[in-house]
C-alpha atoms as a PDB file:
ATOM      1  CA  MET A   1     -14.510  10.565  -2.224  1.00  0.00           C
ATOM      2  CA  THR A   2     -12.595  11.583   0.844  1.00  0.00           C
ATOM      3  CA  LEU A   3      -9.402   9.949   2.047  1.00  0.00           C
ATOM      4  CA  ARG A   4     -11.311   8.493   4.998  1.00  0.00           C
ATOM      5  CA  SER A   5     -14.009   6.876   2.810  1.00  0.00           C
ATOM      6  CA  ASN A   6     -11.388   5.585   0.334  1.00  0.00           C
ATOM      7  CA  LEU A   7      -9.401   4.084   3.185  1.00  0.00           C
ATOM      8  CA  PHE A   8     -12.537   2.519   4.674  1.00  0.00           C
ATOM      9  CA  GLU A   9     -13.491   0.915   1.349  1.00  0.00           C
ATOM     10  CA  VAL A  10     -10.012  -0.478   0.717  1.00  0.00           C
ATOM     11  CA  LEU A  11      -9.641  -1.773   4.254  1.00  0.00           C
ATOM     12  CA  LYS A  12     -13.074  -3.376   4.039  1.00  0.00           C
ATOM     13  CA  SER A  13     -12.168  -5.068   0.750  1.00  0.00           C
ATOM     14  CA  HIS A  14      -8.961  -6.501   2.267  1.00  0.00           C
ATOM     15  CA  SER A  15     -10.428  -7.659   5.565  1.00  0.00           C
ATOM     16  CA  GLY A  16     -11.205 -11.136   6.717  1.00  0.00           C
ATOM     17  CA  SER A  17      -9.597 -13.958   4.797  1.00  0.00           C
ATOM     18  CA  GLN A  18      -8.390 -11.749   1.947  1.00  0.00           C
ATOM     19  CA  MET A  19      -4.780 -10.787   2.320  1.00  0.00           C
ATOM     20  CA  MET A  20      -2.904  -8.379   0.152  1.00  0.00           C
ATOM     21  CA  THR A  21      -0.719 -10.306  -2.270  1.00  0.00           C
ATOM     22  CA  LYS A  22       2.470  -9.124  -3.915  1.00  0.00           C
ATOM     23  CA  SER A  23       0.664  -8.827  -7.234  1.00  0.00           C
ATOM     24  CA  VAL A  24      -2.039  -6.594  -5.687  1.00  0.00           C
ATOM     25  CA  LEU A  25       0.680  -4.518  -4.009  1.00  0.00           C
ATOM     26  CA  HIS A  26       2.497  -4.104  -7.324  1.00  0.00           C
ATOM     27  CA  LEU A  27      -0.714  -3.082  -9.105  1.00  0.00           C
ATOM     28  CA  LYS A  28      -1.520  -0.487  -6.425  1.00  0.00           C
ATOM     29  CA  ALA A  29       2.051   0.838  -6.505  1.00  0.00           C
ATOM     30  CA  LEU A  30       1.929   0.997 -10.315  1.00  0.00           C
ATOM     31  CA  ALA A  31      -1.242   3.085 -10.072  1.00  0.00           C
ATOM     32  CA  LEU A  32       0.378   5.303  -7.418  1.00  0.00           C
ATOM     33  CA  PHE A  33       3.339   5.941  -9.727  1.00  0.00           C
ATOM     34  CA  GLU A  34       1.076   6.492 -12.757  1.00  0.00           C
ATOM     35  CA  GLY A  35       2.291   3.468 -14.691  1.00  0.00           C
ATOM     36  CA  ASN A  36       6.020   3.939 -14.046  1.00  0.00           C
ATOM     37  CA  ARG A  37       6.987   0.317 -13.430  1.00  0.00           C
ATOM     38  CA  ASP A  38      10.576   1.032 -12.345  1.00  0.00           C
ATOM     39  CA  SER A  39       9.505   3.588  -9.732  1.00  0.00           C
ATOM     40  CA  ALA A  40       6.734   1.298  -8.452  1.00  0.00           C
ATOM     41  CA  LEU A  41       9.083  -1.673  -8.042  1.00  0.00           C
ATOM     42  CA  LYS A  42      11.749   0.501  -6.429  1.00  0.00           C
ATOM     43  CA  TRP A  43       9.167   1.813  -3.919  1.00  0.00           C
ATOM     44  CA  CYS A  44       7.931  -1.716  -3.164  1.00  0.00           C
ATOM     45  CA  ASN A  45      11.493  -2.826  -2.356  1.00  0.00           C
ATOM     46  CA  THR A  46      12.726   0.206  -0.402  1.00  0.00           C
ATOM     47  CA  SER A  47      12.432   0.429   3.396  1.00  0.00           C
ATOM     48  CA  ASN A  48       9.821   2.887   4.529  1.00  0.00           C
ATOM     49  CA  ARG A  49       9.716   4.741   7.824  1.00  0.00           C
ATOM     50  CA  ALA A  50       5.892   4.534   7.930  1.00  0.00           C
ATOM     51  CA  LEU A  51       6.207   0.728   7.835  1.00  0.00           C
ATOM     52  CA  ALA A  52       8.716   0.465  10.706  1.00  0.00           C
ATOM     53  CA  TRP A  53      11.582   0.499   8.181  1.00  0.00           C
ATOM     54  CA  LYS A  54      10.307  -2.578   6.350  1.00  0.00           C
ATOM     55  CA  THR A  55       9.807  -2.588   2.616  1.00  0.00           C
ATOM     56  CA  PRO A  56       6.173  -2.656   1.457  1.00  0.00           C
ATOM     57  CA  THR A  57       6.866  -6.134   0.053  1.00  0.00           C
ATOM     58  CA  GLU A  58       8.056  -7.335   3.479  1.00  0.00           C
ATOM     59  CA  ALA A  59       5.242  -5.571   5.328  1.00  0.00           C
ATOM     60  CA  ILE A  60       2.388  -7.277   3.461  1.00  0.00           C
ATOM     61  CA  ASP A  61       3.147 -10.714   4.885  1.00  0.00           C
ATOM     62  CA  PRO A  62       0.963 -10.446   7.987  1.00  0.00           C
ATOM     63  CA  GLU A  63      -2.568  -9.252   7.258  1.00  0.00           C
ATOM     64  CA  GLU A  64      -2.249  -6.145   9.403  1.00  0.00           C
ATOM     65  CA  GLY A  65       0.926  -5.245   7.511  1.00  0.00           C
ATOM     66  CA  GLY A  66      -0.999  -5.419   4.252  1.00  0.00           C
ATOM     67  CA  LEU A  67      -3.543  -3.009   5.645  1.00  0.00           C
ATOM     68  CA  MET A  68      -0.731  -0.669   6.693  1.00  0.00           C
ATOM     69  CA  VAL A  69       0.656  -0.716   3.146  1.00  0.00           C
ATOM     70  CA  VAL A  70      -2.774  -0.007   1.617  1.00  0.00           C
ATOM     71  CA  SER A  71      -3.254   2.826   4.091  1.00  0.00           C
ATOM     72  CA  LEU A  72       0.163   4.258   3.205  1.00  0.00           C
ATOM     73  CA  ILE A  73      -0.572   4.134  -0.539  1.00  0.00           C
ATOM     74  CA  LEU A  74      -3.891   5.928  -0.014  1.00  0.00           C
ATOM     75  CA  ARG A  75      -2.230   8.611   2.085  1.00  0.00           C
ATOM     76  CA  LEU A  76       0.419   9.132  -0.583  1.00  0.00           C
ATOM     77  CA  GLU A  77      -2.237   9.364  -3.293  1.00  0.00           C
ATOM     78  CA  HIS A  78      -3.879  12.163  -1.318  1.00  0.00           C
ATOM     79  CA  GLY A  79      -0.651  14.013  -0.534  1.00  0.00           C
ATOM     80  CA  VAL A  80      -0.518  13.007   3.126  1.00  0.00           C
ATOM     81  CA  TYR A  81       3.170  12.223   3.610  1.00  0.00           C
ATOM     82  CA  SER A  82       4.138  10.552   6.850  1.00  0.00           C
END
């Protein structure tokens, strides 16, 4: 699957009334960091330039912020650093 199709599928699954929750964020971050819980939690609680200097945990509150976090995780998984 390409980055674009992965992003489309994830965004589609989190659209509408479904919002990204902290537990979903932590699971996605844990997968991103290949099971390293400490690194995943540190990433979730560290400000990120791609999220307007908010932490991923802060950014998921509004729905569009959750989509930004999912998009960022997918880009990182595919080596697209921004």
